[in-house]
Amino acid sequence: MKNTETLGPCPICGRAMIEGPSVDRHHWVPRSAGGEETAVLHKVCHRMIHRLFDEKSLAAHYADPATLRDHPEIQRFITWVRRQPPEYVDWPRSPRRRRR
């Protein structure tokens, strides 16, 4: 039986979150900068945040979902990811930071 427990909307993309491998915890202020507050969001949204921003930028400028959503690259990502199912897990494409 498929687990369909919903966790509410993702604070980044607004899509429903379903308990399981498609969700992740994100520290709004990175732990390296003393952050403790976390939120659950889609893994694909979490990955995109960390592809676009280093920890210093996150701590200084993007420590809340509203500020992140206002960034032009995150807005383009949200437009794309809203067409994906809530269970979608993959690496988002980005012209910037590449780790893999």
C-alpha atoms as a PDB file:
ATOM      1  CA  MET A   1       0.000   0.000   0.000  1.00  0.00           C
ATOM      2  CA  LYS A   2       1.366   3.399  -0.989  1.00  0.00           C
ATOM      3  CA  ASN A   3       1.929   5.883   1.851  1.00  0.00           C
ATOM      4  CA  THR A   4      -0.098   9.003   1.117  1.00  0.00           C
ATOM      5  CA  GLU A   5       0.210  10.955   4.367  1.00  0.00           C
ATOM      6  CA  THR A   6       0.373  14.612   3.347  1.00  0.00           C
ATOM      7  CA  LEU A   7       2.599  17.051   5.200  1.00  0.00           C
ATOM      8  CA  GLY A   8       1.009  20.210   3.862  1.00  0.00           C
ATOM      9  CA  PRO A   9       2.270  22.469   1.094  1.00  0.00           C
ATOM     10  CA  CYS A  10       5.979  22.882   0.359  1.00  0.00           C
ATOM     11  CA  PRO A  11       7.149  26.309   1.561  1.00  0.00           C
ATOM     12  CA  ILE A  12       9.045  26.800  -1.709  1.00  0.00           C
ATOM     13  CA  CYS A  13       6.859  25.472  -4.548  1.00  0.00           C
ATOM     14  CA  GLY A  14       3.489  25.210  -2.815  1.00  0.00           C
ATOM     15  CA  ARG A  15       2.833  21.636  -4.031  1.00  0.00           C
ATOM     16  CA  ALA A  16       1.517  19.051  -1.575  1.00  0.00           C
ATOM     17  CA  MET A  17       4.229  17.096   0.240  1.00  0.00           C
ATOM     18  CA  ILE A  18       3.816  13.363   0.793  1.00  0.00           C
ATOM     19  CA  GLU A  19       5.733  11.545   3.531  1.00  0.00           C
ATOM     20  CA  GLY A  20       8.579   9.518   2.042  1.00  0.00           C
ATOM     21  CA  PRO A  21      11.695   9.892  -0.101  1.00  0.00           C
ATOM     22  CA  SER A  22      10.469  13.025  -1.901  1.00  0.00           C
ATOM     23  CA  VAL A  23      10.763  15.240   1.209  1.00  0.00           C
ATOM     24  CA  ASP A  24      13.749  16.573   3.120  1.00  0.00           C
ATOM     25  CA  ARG A  25      14.555  18.875   6.050  1.00  0.00           C
ATOM     26  CA  HIS A  26      16.139  22.251   5.374  1.00  0.00           C
ATOM     27  CA  HIS A  27      17.820  24.606   7.855  1.00  0.00           C
ATOM     28  CA  TRP A  28      16.723  28.139   6.945  1.00  0.00           C
ATOM     29  CA  VAL A  29      19.987  29.424   8.426  1.00  0.00           C
ATOM     30  CA  PRO A  30      22.721  26.838   7.761  1.00  0.00           C
ATOM     31  CA  ARG A  31      23.970  24.905  10.779  1.00  0.00           C
ATOM     32  CA  SER A  32      27.460  26.235  10.043  1.00  0.00           C
ATOM     33  CA  ALA A  33      26.065  29.721  10.744  1.00  0.00           C
ATOM     34  CA  GLY A  34      24.313  28.637  13.944  1.00  0.00           C
ATOM     35  CA  GLY A  35      20.946  27.805  12.418  1.00  0.00           C
ATOM     36  CA  GLU A  36      18.608  25.463  14.247  1.00  0.00           C
ATOM     37  CA  GLU A  37      15.154  26.073  12.748  1.00  0.00           C
ATOM     38  CA  THR A  38      14.213  23.555  10.071  1.00  0.00           C
ATOM     39  CA  ALA A  39      11.308  22.965   7.749  1.00  0.00           C
ATOM     40  CA  VAL A  40      10.186  20.059   5.624  1.00  0.00           C
ATOM     41  CA  LEU A  41      10.208  20.695   1.881  1.00  0.00           C
ATOM     42  CA  HIS A  42      10.465  18.726  -1.325  1.00  0.00           C
ATOM     43  CA  LYS A  43      13.875  17.172  -1.855  1.00  0.00           C
ATOM     44  CA  VAL A  44      14.010  18.624  -5.377  1.00  0.00           C
ATOM     45  CA  CYS A  45      13.317  22.119  -3.968  1.00  0.00           C
ATOM     46  CA  HIS A  46      15.959  21.618  -1.268  1.00  0.00           C
ATOM     47  CA  ARG A  47      18.506  20.532  -3.846  1.00  0.00           C
ATOM     48  CA  MET A  48      17.772  23.551  -6.024  1.00  0.00           C
ATOM     49  CA  ILE A  49      18.282  25.937  -3.104  1.00  0.00           C
ATOM     50  CA  HIS A  50      21.721  24.454  -2.434  1.00  0.00           C
ATOM     51  CA  ARG A  51      22.625  24.450  -6.130  1.00  0.00           C
ATOM     52  CA  LEU A  52      21.984  28.173  -6.379  1.00  0.00           C
ATOM     53  CA  PHE A  53      23.230  29.491  -3.050  1.00  0.00           C
ATOM     54  CA  ASP A  54      26.222  28.847  -0.842  1.00  0.00           C
ATOM     55  CA  GLU A  55      25.809  28.730   2.941  1.00  0.00           C
ATOM     56  CA  LYS A  56      27.063  32.284   3.419  1.00  0.00           C
ATOM     57  CA  SER A  57      24.435  33.658   0.987  1.00  0.00           C
ATOM     58  CA  LEU A  58      21.695  31.580   2.576  1.00  0.00           C
ATOM     59  CA  ALA A  59      22.558  32.871   6.055  1.00  0.00           C
ATOM     60  CA  ALA A  60      22.886  36.506   4.979  1.00  0.00           C
ATOM     61  CA  HIS A  61      20.130  36.930   2.389  1.00  0.00           C
ATOM     62  CA  TYR A  62      17.899  33.871   1.908  1.00  0.00           C
ATOM     63  CA  ALA A  63      17.033  32.598   5.392  1.00  0.00           C
ATOM     64  CA  ASP A  64      13.276  32.391   4.799  1.00  0.00           C
ATOM     65  CA  PRO A  65      10.998  30.912   2.138  1.00  0.00           C
ATOM     66  CA  ALA A  66       9.505  34.229   0.981  1.00  0.00           C
ATOM     67  CA  THR A  67      12.926  35.687   0.147  1.00  0.00           C
ATOM     68  CA  LEU A  68      13.937  32.499  -1.648  1.00  0.00           C
ATOM     69  CA  ARG A  69      10.715  32.500  -3.706  1.00  0.00           C
ATOM     70  CA  ASP A  70      11.428  36.091  -4.805  1.00  0.00           C
ATOM     71  CA  HIS A  71      14.721  35.124  -6.470  1.00  0.00           C
ATOM     72  CA  PRO A  72      14.345  34.994 -10.300  1.00  0.00           C
ATOM     73  CA  GLU A  73      16.002  31.569 -10.698  1.00  0.00           C
ATOM     74  CA  ILE A  74      13.833  30.085  -7.954  1.00  0.00           C
ATOM     75  CA  GLN A  75      10.763  31.592  -9.647  1.00  0.00           C
ATOM     76  CA  ARG A  76      11.702  29.877 -12.934  1.00  0.00           C
ATOM     77  CA  PHE A  77      12.319  26.633 -11.045  1.00  0.00           C
ATOM     78  CA  ILE A  78       8.917  26.873  -9.306  1.00  0.00           C
ATOM     79  CA  THR A  79       7.176  27.363 -12.663  1.00  0.00           C
ATOM     80  CA  TRP A  80       8.824  24.161 -13.897  1.00  0.00           C
ATOM     81  CA  VAL A  81       8.509  22.024 -10.748  1.00  0.00           C
ATOM     82  CA  ARG A  82       4.796  22.762 -10.293  1.00  0.00           C
ATOM     83  CA  ARG A  83       4.217  20.627 -13.395  1.00  0.00           C
ATOM     84  CA  GLN A  84       5.847  17.633 -11.654  1.00  0.00           C
ATOM     85  CA  PRO A  85       4.002  15.195  -9.362  1.00  0.00           C
ATOM     86  CA  PRO A  86       4.471  15.679  -5.583  1.00  0.00           C
ATOM     87  CA  GLU A  87       6.541  12.464  -5.394  1.00  0.00           C
ATOM     88  CA  TYR A  88       9.032  13.714  -8.014  1.00  0.00           C
ATOM     89  CA  VAL A  89      12.678  13.236  -6.988  1.00  0.00           C
ATOM     90  CA  ASP A  90      15.500  14.224  -9.322  1.00  0.00           C
ATOM     91  CA  TRP A  91      18.354  16.700  -9.597  1.00  0.00           C
ATOM     92  CA  PRO A  92      17.069  20.048 -10.855  1.00  0.00           C
ATOM     93  CA  ARG A  93      18.913  21.506 -13.798  1.00  0.00           C
ATOM     94  CA  SER A  94      20.834  24.665 -13.154  1.00  0.00           C
ATOM     95  CA  PRO A  95      23.307  26.704 -15.162  1.00  0.00           C
ATOM     96  CA  ARG A  96      25.190  27.597 -11.984  1.00  0.00           C
ATOM     97  CA  ARG A  97      26.857  25.420  -9.350  1.00  0.00           C
ATOM     98  CA  ARG A  98      27.520  21.848 -10.412  1.00  0.00           C
ATOM     99  CA  ARG A  99      28.504  19.262  -7.862  1.00  0.00           C
ATOM    100  CA  ARG A 100      28.028  16.029  -9.761  1.00  0.00           C
END
